[in-house]
C-alpha cells in the first residue's frame, strides 16, 4: 500500500472513531446523560466537515421532528408548514 492510501485509510479510521463519540446509547437517553450545548459545540467544532454531515444525516434519519426541521431549514415553505400546523390544531 502506498503512503497516500495509508494516510487516507488512517484518516478514515480516525473519522469513524471521532464520530462514534457523538452517538448516544439507549442507556444515555434513558438516564439523561446529555453533554450540554457548550460541550456539543466544542465537539462539533473539532470535527471535519465530512463527520458533521454524517451526524446531521444520522439525526435526519433518527427523528421525524428533526427531519421536519431540517427539511424546512433547507427549503423553507411557510405555506406547507402553516397547513401542517393547522391540521395539528384541528
Protein backbone atom coordinates (compact mmCIF):
# COMPACT_ATOMS: atom_id res chain seq x y z
CA UNK A 1 0.00 0.00 0.00
CA UNK A 2 1.46 3.39 -0.92
CA UNK A 3 1.75 6.30 1.52
CA UNK A 4 -1.27 8.15 0.15
CA UNK A 5 -3.51 5.10 0.58
CA UNK A 6 -2.19 4.51 4.11
CA UNK A 7 -2.84 8.14 5.05
CA UNK A 8 -6.37 8.02 3.67
CA UNK A 9 -7.05 4.75 5.46
CA UNK A 10 -5.78 6.19 8.76
CA UNK A 11 -7.83 9.37 8.32
CA UNK A 12 -10.94 7.30 7.62
CA UNK A 13 -10.42 5.27 10.80
CA UNK A 14 -9.92 8.46 12.82
CA UNK A 15 -13.13 9.96 11.41
CA UNK A 16 -15.11 6.86 12.31
CA UNK A 17 -13.73 6.81 15.85
CA UNK A 18 -14.41 10.51 16.41
CA UNK A 19 -17.97 10.32 15.07
CA UNK A 20 -18.74 7.46 17.49
CA UNK A 21 -18.24 9.96 20.34
CA UNK A 22 -21.41 11.76 19.23
CA UNK A 23 -23.65 8.70 19.20
CA UNK A 24 -25.86 8.18 22.24
CA UNK A 25 -26.81 4.77 23.52
CA UNK A 26 -30.29 3.94 24.80
CA UNK A 27 -28.82 3.96 28.31
CA UNK A 28 -27.60 7.55 27.82
CA UNK A 29 -31.00 8.64 26.58
CA UNK A 30 -32.81 6.90 29.44
CA UNK A 31 -30.52 8.37 32.12
CA UNK A 32 -30.45 11.85 30.54
CA UNK A 33 -26.65 11.82 30.35
CA UNK A 34 -26.51 14.64 27.82
CA UNK A 35 -23.38 16.68 27.26
CA UNK A 36 -24.97 20.13 27.00
CA UNK A 37 -24.80 22.68 24.23
CA UNK A 38 -21.36 24.08 25.09
CA UNK A 39 -19.69 20.68 25.10
CA UNK A 40 -21.55 19.61 21.95
CA UNK A 41 -20.47 22.81 20.19
CA UNK A 42 -16.85 22.18 21.16
CA UNK A 43 -17.00 18.60 19.85
CA UNK A 44 -18.65 19.65 16.58
CA UNK A 45 -16.10 22.42 16.03
CA UNK A 46 -13.36 19.79 16.29
CA UNK A 47 -14.90 17.52 13.67
CA UNK A 48 -14.09 17.67 9.97
CA UNK A 49 -16.87 18.65 7.58
CA UNK A 50 -17.47 15.03 6.48
CA UNK A 51 -18.26 13.96 10.04
CA UNK A 52 -20.60 16.88 10.65
CA UNK A 53 -22.50 15.91 7.50
CA UNK A 54 -22.65 12.31 8.79
CA UNK A 55 -24.01 13.48 12.17
CA UNK A 56 -26.69 15.63 10.52
CA UNK A 57 -27.72 12.80 8.20
CA UNK A 58 -27.94 10.39 11.15
CA UNK A 59 -30.09 12.91 13.00
CA UNK A 60 -32.29 13.28 9.91
CA UNK A 61 -32.89 9.52 9.82
CA UNK A 62 -33.35 9.16 13.58
CA UNK A 63 -36.15 11.60 14.29
CA UNK A 64 -39.31 12.67 12.49
CA UNK A 65 -39.18 16.07 14.22
CA UNK A 66 -35.55 16.59 13.21
CA UNK A 67 -36.42 15.63 9.63
CA UNK A 68 -39.20 18.26 9.50
CA UNK A 69 -36.87 20.90 10.96
CA UNK A 70 -34.01 20.11 8.58
CA UNK A 71 -36.34 19.95 5.57
CA UNK A 72 -37.74 23.37 6.46
CA UNK A 73 -34.24 24.73 7.09
CA UNK A 74 -33.03 23.52 3.69
CA UNK A 75 -36.13 24.61 1.74
CA UNK A 76 -38.39 26.94 3.73
CA UNK A 77 -42.01 26.66 2.66
CA UNK A 78 -44.12 28.58 5.13
CA UNK A 79 -47.39 27.78 3.35
CA UNK A 80 -46.92 23.99 3.73
CA UNK A 81 -45.74 24.41 7.31
CA UNK A 82 -48.76 26.58 8.13
CA UNK A 83 -51.11 23.97 6.68
CA UNK A 84 -49.39 21.23 8.67
CA UNK A 85 -49.75 23.20 11.90
CA UNK A 86 -53.41 23.98 11.17
CA UNK A 87 -54.00 20.25 10.74
CA UNK A 88 -52.41 19.58 14.15
CA UNK A 89 -54.51 22.24 15.86
CA UNK A 90 -57.79 20.96 14.46
